[in-house]
Amino acid sequence: MAYYAGWNKGNNANYRRNRDLGMFYNEEDAVGTVTLSRDKNTLKVDFPYRKYLVEAVKKMRGAKFHPNGKYWTVENLPQYVLRLHELGFSMSSKLLSSRGCE
């Protein structure tokens, strides 16, 4: 289910609900970003505070909040890459394909 990104963004309840459920595919509508750390053992998960996202990330092994940078890190596991993608996070296609999550 994809919506036109510019359609009545802030004032439409369906838009907000679907955005919060991670049902958008446009990068500008992503709920946050996921990047691979330099050591390649952890994923950096960066997003504005939303309770349901914090709860989802906290359930992941190795989840740690970094208050100075206001981001989370989790272990780099294929199921976490896939789950974060399903939640609507943007990430490189290289990260997705390298973890077998195309």
C-alpha atoms as a PDB file:
ATOM      1  CA  MET A   1       0.000   0.000   0.000  1.00  0.00           C
ATOM      2  CA  ALA A   2       1.671   3.203  -1.130  1.00  0.00           C
ATOM      3  CA  TYR A   3       0.300   6.707  -1.002  1.00  0.00           C
ATOM      4  CA  TYR A   4       1.209   9.827  -2.874  1.00  0.00           C
ATOM      5  CA  ALA A   5       3.756  11.505  -0.610  1.00  0.00           C
ATOM      6  CA  GLY A   6       2.370  15.011  -0.975  1.00  0.00           C
ATOM      7  CA  TRP A   7      -1.291  14.184  -0.447  1.00  0.00           C
ATOM      8  CA  ASN A   8      -2.665  16.084   2.540  1.00  0.00           C
ATOM      9  CA  LYS A   9       0.189  14.805   4.706  1.00  0.00           C
ATOM     10  CA  GLY A  10      -0.342  16.289   8.120  1.00  0.00           C
ATOM     11  CA  ASN A  11      -4.119  16.553   8.221  1.00  0.00           C
ATOM     12  CA  ASN A  12      -5.169  13.067   7.207  1.00  0.00           C
ATOM     13  CA  ALA A  13      -5.733  10.446   9.930  1.00  0.00           C
ATOM     14  CA  ASN A  14      -5.208   7.546   7.505  1.00  0.00           C
ATOM     15  CA  TYR A  15      -1.915   9.008   6.370  1.00  0.00           C
ATOM     16  CA  ARG A  16      -0.666   9.400   9.962  1.00  0.00           C
ATOM     17  CA  ARG A  17      -1.802   5.901  10.941  1.00  0.00           C
ATOM     18  CA  ASN A  18      -0.160   4.268   7.930  1.00  0.00           C
ATOM     19  CA  ARG A  19       2.988   6.332   8.414  1.00  0.00           C
ATOM     20  CA  ASP A  20       3.223   5.201  12.018  1.00  0.00           C
ATOM     21  CA  LEU A  21       2.679   1.583  10.996  1.00  0.00           C
ATOM     22  CA  GLY A  22       5.577   1.867   8.555  1.00  0.00           C
ATOM     23  CA  MET A  23       3.457   1.341   5.453  1.00  0.00           C
ATOM     24  CA  PHE A  24       5.262   3.816   3.197  1.00  0.00           C
ATOM     25  CA  TYR A  25       7.967   3.124   0.674  1.00  0.00           C
ATOM     26  CA  ASN A  26       9.090   6.625  -0.260  1.00  0.00           C
ATOM     27  CA  GLU A  27      12.355   7.497   1.429  1.00  0.00           C
ATOM     28  CA  GLU A  28      10.988  10.876   2.497  1.00  0.00           C
ATOM     29  CA  ASP A  29       8.260   9.032   4.428  1.00  0.00           C
ATOM     30  CA  ALA A  30      10.655   6.700   6.238  1.00  0.00           C
ATOM     31  CA  VAL A  31      10.301   6.634  10.023  1.00  0.00           C
ATOM     32  CA  GLY A  32      14.092   6.720  10.486  1.00  0.00           C
ATOM     33  CA  THR A  33      17.380   5.414   9.134  1.00  0.00           C
ATOM     34  CA  VAL A  34      19.480   2.305   9.675  1.00  0.00           C
ATOM     35  CA  THR A  35      23.196   2.287   8.941  1.00  0.00           C
ATOM     36  CA  LEU A  36      25.913  -0.279   9.479  1.00  0.00           C
ATOM     37  CA  SER A  37      28.509   0.631  12.096  1.00  0.00           C
ATOM     38  CA  ARG A  38      32.214   0.744  11.259  1.00  0.00           C
ATOM     39  CA  ASP A  39      32.864  -2.557  13.019  1.00  0.00           C
ATOM     40  CA  LYS A  40      29.976  -4.115  11.011  1.00  0.00           C
ATOM     41  CA  ASN A  41      28.714  -5.886  14.167  1.00  0.00           C
ATOM     42  CA  THR A  42      26.012  -3.380  15.031  1.00  0.00           C
ATOM     43  CA  LEU A  43      23.312  -1.373  13.316  1.00  0.00           C
ATOM     44  CA  LYS A  44      22.823   2.305  14.109  1.00  0.00           C
ATOM     45  CA  VAL A  45      19.093   3.044  14.308  1.00  0.00           C
ATOM     46  CA  ASP A  46      18.203   6.734  14.198  1.00  0.00           C
ATOM     47  CA  PHE A  47      14.628   8.024  14.462  1.00  0.00           C
ATOM     48  CA  PRO A  48      12.511  10.718  16.131  1.00  0.00           C
ATOM     49  CA  TYR A  49      10.851   9.475  19.313  1.00  0.00           C
ATOM     50  CA  ARG A  50       7.788   7.319  18.781  1.00  0.00           C
ATOM     51  CA  LYS A  51       6.782   4.994  21.574  1.00  0.00           C
ATOM     52  CA  TYR A  52       6.026   1.993  19.344  1.00  0.00           C
ATOM     53  CA  LEU A  53       9.447   2.287  17.655  1.00  0.00           C
ATOM     54  CA  VAL A  54      11.274   2.498  20.993  1.00  0.00           C
ATOM     55  CA  GLU A  55       9.423  -0.608  22.202  1.00  0.00           C
ATOM     56  CA  ALA A  56      10.266  -2.522  19.004  1.00  0.00           C
ATOM     57  CA  VAL A  57      13.962  -1.583  19.143  1.00  0.00           C
ATOM     58  CA  LYS A  58      14.240  -2.350  22.878  1.00  0.00           C
ATOM     59  CA  LYS A  59      13.179  -5.958  22.164  1.00  0.00           C
ATOM     60  CA  MET A  60      16.210  -6.491  19.928  1.00  0.00           C
ATOM     61  CA  ARG A  61      19.321  -8.144  21.358  1.00  0.00           C
ATOM     62  CA  GLY A  62      22.089  -5.720  22.225  1.00  0.00           C
ATOM     63  CA  ALA A  63      19.784  -2.686  22.087  1.00  0.00           C
ATOM     64  CA  LYS A  64      21.489   0.339  23.580  1.00  0.00           C
ATOM     65  CA  PHE A  65      20.434   3.981  23.570  1.00  0.00           C
ATOM     66  CA  HIS A  66      23.156   6.593  23.094  1.00  0.00           C
ATOM     67  CA  PRO A  67      21.840   9.815  24.676  1.00  0.00           C
ATOM     68  CA  ASN A  68      24.625  12.037  23.332  1.00  0.00           C
ATOM     69  CA  GLY A  69      23.782  11.252  19.714  1.00  0.00           C
ATOM     70  CA  LYS A  70      20.139  10.340  20.380  1.00  0.00           C
ATOM     71  CA  TYR A  71      20.277   7.057  18.486  1.00  0.00           C
ATOM     72  CA  TRP A  72      20.093   3.324  19.210  1.00  0.00           C
ATOM     73  CA  THR A  73      22.412   0.472  18.307  1.00  0.00           C
ATOM     74  CA  VAL A  74      21.399  -3.178  17.962  1.00  0.00           C
ATOM     75  CA  GLU A  75      23.215  -6.329  16.882  1.00  0.00           C
ATOM     76  CA  ASN A  76      23.590  -6.798  13.133  1.00  0.00           C
ATOM     77  CA  LEU A  77      21.312  -9.793  12.570  1.00  0.00           C
ATOM     78  CA  PRO A  78      19.265 -10.533   9.416  1.00  0.00           C
ATOM     79  CA  GLN A  79      15.985 -10.686  11.334  1.00  0.00           C
ATOM     80  CA  TYR A  80      16.614  -7.202  12.790  1.00  0.00           C
ATOM     81  CA  VAL A  81      17.391  -5.738   9.373  1.00  0.00           C
ATOM     82  CA  LEU A  82      14.160  -7.232   8.034  1.00  0.00           C
ATOM     83  CA  ARG A  83      12.083  -6.089  11.032  1.00  0.00           C
ATOM     84  CA  LEU A  84      13.422  -2.531  10.836  1.00  0.00           C
ATOM     85  CA  HIS A  85      12.696  -2.482   7.112  1.00  0.00           C
ATOM     86  CA  GLU A  86       9.127  -3.675   7.786  1.00  0.00           C
ATOM     87  CA  LEU A  87       8.692  -0.889  10.342  1.00  0.00           C
ATOM     88  CA  GLY A  88       9.458   1.655   7.613  1.00  0.00           C
ATOM     89  CA  PHE A  89      13.107   2.520   8.216  1.00  0.00           C
ATOM     90  CA  SER A  90      15.183   3.536   5.229  1.00  0.00           C
ATOM     91  CA  MET A  91      18.446   1.703   4.635  1.00  0.00           C
ATOM     92  CA  SER A  92      20.752   1.026   1.758  1.00  0.00           C
ATOM     93  CA  SER A  93      19.790  -1.726  -0.645  1.00  0.00           C
ATOM     94  CA  LYS A  94      23.315  -3.050  -0.120  1.00  0.00           C
ATOM     95  CA  LEU A  95      22.557  -3.574   3.583  1.00  0.00           C
ATOM     96  CA  LEU A  96      19.300  -5.351   2.772  1.00  0.00           C
ATOM     97  CA  SER A  97      20.788  -7.626   0.126  1.00  0.00           C
ATOM     98  CA  SER A  98      23.921  -8.432   2.131  1.00  0.00           C
ATOM     99  CA  ARG A  99      21.723  -9.815   4.922  1.00  0.00           C
ATOM    100  CA  GLY A 100      19.493 -11.802   2.560  1.00  0.00           C
ATOM    101  CA  CYS A 101      16.481  -9.552   3.095  1.00  0.00           C
ATOM    102  CA  GLU A 102      15.563  -8.403  -0.409  1.00  0.00           C
END
